[in-house]
C-alpha atoms as a PDB file:
ATOM      1  CA  UNK A   1     138.152  28.699 151.778  1.00  0.00           C
ATOM      2  CA  UNK A   2     136.298  29.970 154.839  1.00  0.00           C
ATOM      3  CA  UNK A   3     134.636  27.287 156.956  1.00  0.00           C
ATOM      4  CA  UNK A   4     130.867  27.506 157.377  1.00  0.00           C
ATOM      5  CA  UNK A   5     129.523  28.763 160.712  1.00  0.00           C
ATOM      6  CA  UNK A   6     126.734  26.202 160.793  1.00  0.00           C
ATOM      7  CA  UNK A   7     125.371  23.210 158.924  1.00  0.00           C
ATOM      8  CA  UNK A   8     121.793  22.303 158.210  1.00  0.00           C
ATOM      9  CA  UNK A   9     120.384  19.557 160.373  1.00  0.00           C
ATOM     10  CA  UNK A  10     118.852  16.318 159.139  1.00  0.00           C
ATOM     11  CA  UNK A  11     115.288  17.635 159.320  1.00  0.00           C
ATOM     12  CA  UNK A  12     116.096  20.715 157.241  1.00  0.00           C
ATOM     13  CA  UNK A  13     117.947  18.586 154.683  1.00  0.00           C
ATOM     14  CA  UNK A  14     115.015  16.166 154.470  1.00  0.00           C
ATOM     15  CA  UNK A  15     112.579  19.039 153.915  1.00  0.00           C
ATOM     16  CA  UNK A  16     114.809  20.473 151.198  1.00  0.00           C
ATOM     17  CA  UNK A  17     115.070  17.122 149.409  1.00  0.00           C
ATOM     18  CA  UNK A  18     111.316  16.639 149.712  1.00  0.00           C
ATOM     19  CA  UNK A  19     110.795  20.093 148.200  1.00  0.00           C
ATOM     20  CA  UNK A  20     112.816  19.027 145.157  1.00  0.00           C
ATOM     21  CA  UNK A  21     110.684  15.911 144.832  1.00  0.00           C
ATOM     22  CA  UNK A  22     107.581  18.126 144.838  1.00  0.00           C
ATOM     23  CA  UNK A  23     108.820  19.528 141.532  1.00  0.00           C
ATOM     24  CA  UNK A  24     107.534  16.359 139.876  1.00  0.00           C
ATOM     25  CA  UNK A  25     104.136  16.967 141.448  1.00  0.00           C
ATOM     26  CA  UNK A  26     104.074  20.578 140.242  1.00  0.00           C
ATOM     27  CA  UNK A  27     104.996  19.530 136.699  1.00  0.00           C
ATOM     28  CA  UNK A  28     101.873  17.405 136.637  1.00  0.00           C
ATOM     29  CA  UNK A  29      99.473  19.706 138.536  1.00  0.00           C
ATOM     30  CA  UNK A  30     100.602  23.300 137.945  1.00  0.00           C
ATOM     31  CA  UNK A  31     103.582  23.712 135.625  1.00  0.00           C
ATOM     32  CA  UNK A  32     103.362  27.527 135.703  1.00  0.00           C
ATOM     33  CA  UNK A  33     104.388  27.456 139.416  1.00  0.00           C
ATOM     34  CA  UNK A  34     107.784  25.976 138.515  1.00  0.00           C
ATOM     35  CA  UNK A  35     109.029  29.351 137.187  1.00  0.00           C
ATOM     36  CA  UNK A  36     109.103  30.685 140.735  1.00  0.00           C
ATOM     37  CA  UNK A  37     109.464  27.441 142.680  1.00  0.00           C
ATOM     38  CA  UNK A  38     112.767  26.262 141.197  1.00  0.00           C
ATOM     39  CA  UNK A  39     114.630  29.599 141.697  1.00  0.00           C
ATOM     40  CA  UNK A  40     113.444  29.668 145.310  1.00  0.00           C
ATOM     41  CA  UNK A  41     114.784  26.144 145.838  1.00  0.00           C
ATOM     42  CA  UNK A  42     118.103  27.091 144.243  1.00  0.00           C
ATOM     43  CA  UNK A  43     118.343  30.142 146.517  1.00  0.00           C
ATOM     44  CA  UNK A  44     117.560  27.999 149.576  1.00  0.00           C
ATOM     45  CA  UNK A  45     120.205  25.463 148.598  1.00  0.00           C
ATOM     46  CA  UNK A  46     122.986  27.784 147.512  1.00  0.00           C
ATOM     47  CA  UNK A  47     122.403  31.297 148.816  1.00  0.00           C
ATOM     48  CA  UNK A  48     120.611  31.197 152.147  1.00  0.00           C
ATOM     49  CA  UNK A  49     123.478  30.059 154.359  1.00  0.00           C
ATOM     50  CA  UNK A  50     125.992  32.613 152.992  1.00  0.00           C
ATOM     51  CA  UNK A  51     123.323  35.319 153.333  1.00  0.00           C
ATOM     52  CA  UNK A  52     122.666  34.396 156.979  1.00  0.00           C
ATOM     53  CA  UNK A  53     126.395  34.348 157.722  1.00  0.00           C
ATOM     54  CA  UNK A  54     127.153  37.617 155.914  1.00  0.00           C
ATOM     55  CA  UNK A  55     124.338  39.606 157.516  1.00  0.00           C
ATOM     56  CA  UNK A  56     124.995  38.201 160.990  1.00  0.00           C
ATOM     57  CA  UNK A  57     121.420  36.989 161.405  1.00  0.00           C
ATOM     58  CA  UNK A  58     122.607  33.524 162.350  1.00  0.00           C
ATOM     59  CA  UNK A  59     124.827  34.757 165.183  1.00  0.00           C
ATOM     60  CA  UNK A  60     122.080  37.118 166.419  1.00  0.00           C
ATOM     61  CA  UNK A  61     119.526  34.309 166.525  1.00  0.00           C
ATOM     62  CA  UNK A  62     121.994  32.015 168.266  1.00  0.00           C
ATOM     63  CA  UNK A  63     122.712  34.685 170.887  1.00  0.00           C
ATOM     64  CA  UNK A  64     119.000  35.165 171.552  1.00  0.00           C
ATOM     65  CA  UNK A  65     118.406  31.422 171.844  1.00  0.00           C
ATOM     66  CA  UNK A  66     121.428  30.996 174.107  1.00  0.00           C
ATOM     67  CA  UNK A  67     120.255  33.795 176.397  1.00  0.00           C
ATOM     68  CA  UNK A  68     116.782  32.234 176.602  1.00  0.00           C
ATOM     69  CA  UNK A  69     118.202  28.804 177.390  1.00  0.00           C
ATOM     70  CA  UNK A  70     120.516  30.215 180.059  1.00  0.00           C
ATOM     71  CA  UNK A  71     117.600  32.009 181.722  1.00  0.00           C
ATOM     72  CA  UNK A  72     115.527  28.814 181.659  1.00  0.00           C
ATOM     73  CA  UNK A  73     118.274  26.696 183.205  1.00  0.00           C
ATOM     74  CA  UNK A  74     119.085  29.337 185.824  1.00  0.00           C
ATOM     75  CA  UNK A  75     115.445  29.374 186.872  1.00  0.00           C
ATOM     76  CA  UNK A  76     115.276  25.561 186.908  1.00  0.00           C
ATOM     77  CA  UNK A  77     118.480  25.344 188.978  1.00  0.00           C
ATOM     78  CA  UNK A  78     117.217  27.886 191.511  1.00  0.00           C
ATOM     79  CA  UNK A  79     113.934  25.962 191.865  1.00  0.00           C
ATOM     80  CA  UNK A  80     115.850  22.742 192.390  1.00  0.00           C
ATOM     81  CA  UNK A  81     118.161  24.362 194.963  1.00  0.00           C
ATOM     82  CA  UNK A  82     115.185  25.761 196.845  1.00  0.00           C
ATOM     83  CA  UNK A  83     113.495  22.350 196.840  1.00  0.00           C
ATOM     84  CA  UNK A  84     116.634  20.616 198.156  1.00  0.00           C
ATOM     85  CA  UNK A  85     117.059  23.252 200.874  1.00  0.00           C
ATOM     86  CA  UNK A  86     113.444  22.805 201.930  1.00  0.00           C
ATOM     87  CA  UNK A  87     113.872  19.017 202.090  1.00  0.00           C
ATOM     88  CA  UNK A  88     117.029  19.403 204.179  1.00  0.00           C
ATOM     89  CA  UNK A  89     115.291  21.828 206.543  1.00  0.00           C
ATOM     90  CA  UNK A  90     112.301  19.530 206.825  1.00  0.00           C
ATOM     91  CA  UNK A  91     114.536  16.537 207.554  1.00  0.00           C
ATOM     92  CA  UNK A  92     116.452  18.509 210.185  1.00  0.00           C
ATOM     93  CA  UNK A  93     113.249  19.677 211.875  1.00  0.00           C
ATOM     94  CA  UNK A  94     111.780  16.164 211.867  1.00  0.00           C
ATOM     95  CA  UNK A  95     114.865  14.784 213.592  1.00  0.00           C
ATOM     96  CA  UNK A  96     114.935  17.529 216.200  1.00  0.00           C
ATOM     97  CA  UNK A  97     114.042  16.271 219.695  1.00  0.00           C
ATOM     98  CA  UNK A  98     113.149  19.612 221.218  1.00  0.00           C
ATOM     99  CA  UNK A  99     109.493  20.421 221.536  1.00  0.00           C
ATOM    100  CA  UNK A 100     108.229  23.660 220.227  1.00  0.00           C
ATOM    101  CA  UNK A 101     107.018  25.871 223.047  1.00  0.00           C
ATOM    102  CA  UNK A 102     103.973  26.892 221.052  1.00  0.00           C
ATOM    103  CA  UNK A 103     102.602  23.332 221.210  1.00  0.00           C
ATOM    104  CA  UNK A 104     100.185  22.258 223.998  1.00  0.00           C
ATOM    105  CA  UNK A 105     101.686  20.611 227.120  1.00  0.00           C
ATOM    106  CA  UNK A 106     100.882  16.962 226.381  1.00  0.00           C
ATOM    107  CA  UNK A 107     101.391  16.987 222.684  1.00  0.00           C
END
């Protein structure tokens, strides 16, 4: 049997279980909704993951999210590098004993 590409997280599982518990609420409030609600829950539980894997939507979404995360971290790293370089330059200039010729004589 082929191994699944991904597994649902704890939040998604909790939402799915809660949706099944809402069936009891719909039996009491609006029983005519159950004719569409239960097949949707069965599709979500059994058919959604194979559909996402077969169509390639899962891998496409993962690639988009990975590209976005890489761009974010590249930007954050470049900002951090620039900040460190500025601190090093500032430290070096503060420790320099030579006076700048643009300053007044008795500065």
